[in-house]
Amino acid sequence: MEDENWEIRDVEQLREHYARTCRQWSERLMAHRERALKLIPEKTYRIWLLYLAASSLYFSDGSIGLYQVLAAKRDSQASAAPTTREGIYLRVAD
């Protein structure tokens, strides 16, 4: 990234969020089993259910992690970086 004139502006660890997200996705998939099986083979359904359940477990116990990295092109004319994430998100939305 540095070779292309990008700089890291923020890094956020999302492990706990993804543990919850994967758990909720697996619960929803199970709740809509019949609907899902009209769209995909049972083997695919079972693979995805296993993947989501295992991912939730591994995110929960710290075996795997996930990071979101916010990067921006270096700009000597830009103002200073925001001091909070809220300031970062507001700038990205502009």
Protein backbone atom coordinates (compact mmCIF):
# COMPACT_ATOMS: atom_id res chain seq x y z
CA MET A 1 0.00 0.00 0.00
CA GLU A 2 2.76 2.42 0.84
CA ASP A 3 4.40 1.84 -2.55
CA GLU A 4 1.16 3.12 -4.14
CA ASN A 5 0.93 6.16 -1.86
CA TRP A 6 -1.80 4.78 0.42
CA GLU A 7 -1.76 5.11 4.17
CA ILE A 8 -3.69 3.25 6.84
CA ARG A 9 -6.15 5.54 8.59
CA ASP A 10 -7.86 3.05 10.90
CA VAL A 11 -7.92 -0.65 11.81
CA GLU A 12 -10.89 -2.24 13.56
CA GLN A 13 -11.05 -5.76 14.95
CA LEU A 14 -14.42 -7.38 14.16
CA ARG A 15 -13.96 -10.87 15.63
CA GLU A 16 -16.75 -10.63 18.22
CA HIS A 17 -19.12 -9.06 15.70
CA TYR A 18 -18.54 -11.89 13.23
CA ALA A 19 -19.03 -14.56 15.91
CA ARG A 20 -22.49 -13.13 16.50
CA THR A 21 -23.20 -12.56 12.81
CA CYS A 22 -22.29 -16.12 11.79
CA ARG A 23 -24.35 -17.52 14.66
CA GLN A 24 -27.37 -15.46 13.61
CA TRP A 25 -26.94 -16.46 9.96
CA SER A 26 -26.83 -20.15 10.89
CA GLU A 27 -29.94 -19.73 13.08
CA ARG A 28 -31.79 -18.02 10.24
CA LEU A 29 -30.69 -20.65 7.75
CA MET A 30 -32.03 -23.38 10.03
CA ALA A 31 -35.29 -21.46 10.55
CA HIS A 32 -35.75 -21.27 6.76
CA ARG A 33 -34.54 -24.77 5.93
CA GLU A 34 -37.43 -25.72 3.64
CA ARG A 35 -37.19 -22.48 1.71
CA ALA A 36 -33.43 -22.89 1.33
CA LEU A 37 -33.78 -26.49 0.11
CA LYS A 38 -36.03 -25.27 -2.71
CA LEU A 39 -33.08 -23.19 -3.94
CA ILE A 40 -30.05 -25.37 -3.20
CA PRO A 41 -29.24 -29.07 -2.77
CA GLU A 42 -29.28 -30.46 0.78
CA LYS A 43 -25.53 -31.08 0.60
CA THR A 44 -24.93 -27.36 -0.04
CA TYR A 45 -27.32 -26.46 2.78
CA ARG A 46 -25.44 -28.71 5.22
CA ILE A 47 -22.04 -27.41 4.12
CA TRP A 48 -23.13 -23.80 4.67
CA LEU A 49 -24.69 -24.62 8.02
CA LEU A 50 -21.49 -26.32 9.16
CA TYR A 51 -19.35 -23.46 7.82
CA LEU A 52 -21.41 -20.80 9.63
CA ALA A 53 -21.60 -22.72 12.92
CA ALA A 54 -17.87 -23.51 12.89
CA SER A 55 -16.99 -19.93 11.95
CA SER A 56 -19.06 -18.60 14.83
CA LEU A 57 -17.31 -20.95 17.24
CA TYR A 58 -13.84 -20.13 15.95
CA PHE A 59 -14.46 -16.37 16.01
CA SER A 60 -15.82 -16.72 19.56
CA ASP A 61 -12.81 -18.59 20.90
CA GLY A 62 -10.27 -16.45 19.05
CA SER A 63 -9.02 -19.15 16.67
CA ILE A 64 -9.75 -16.84 13.74
CA GLY A 65 -10.10 -13.10 13.46
CA LEU A 66 -11.19 -10.42 11.08
CA TYR A 67 -9.93 -6.89 10.68
CA GLN A 68 -11.33 -4.00 8.70
CA VAL A 69 -8.64 -1.66 7.41
CA LEU A 70 -9.47 1.83 6.24
CA ALA A 71 -6.87 3.28 3.90
CA ALA A 72 -6.70 6.50 1.94
CA LYS A 73 -4.44 7.97 -0.70
CA ARG A 74 -1.92 10.34 0.86
CA ASP A 75 -2.94 13.93 0.34
CA SER A 76 -0.74 16.71 1.65
CA GLN A 77 -3.64 19.17 1.17
CA ALA A 78 -6.07 17.17 3.32
CA SER A 79 -6.87 18.24 6.84
CA ALA A 80 -5.76 16.20 9.84
CA ALA A 81 -7.30 12.80 10.45
CA PRO A 82 -10.45 12.75 12.60
CA THR A 83 -9.85 11.88 16.24
CA THR A 84 -12.78 9.43 16.46
CA ARG A 85 -14.23 6.72 14.25
CA GLU A 86 -17.41 8.76 13.97
CA GLY A 87 -15.37 11.44 12.23
CA ILE A 88 -13.88 8.85 9.89
CA TYR A 89 -17.29 7.42 8.95
CA LEU A 90 -18.78 10.87 8.40
CA ARG A 91 -15.93 11.77 6.04
CA VAL A 92 -16.32 8.52 4.07
CA ALA A 93 -20.07 9.17 3.63
CA ASP A 94 -19.49 12.66 2.18
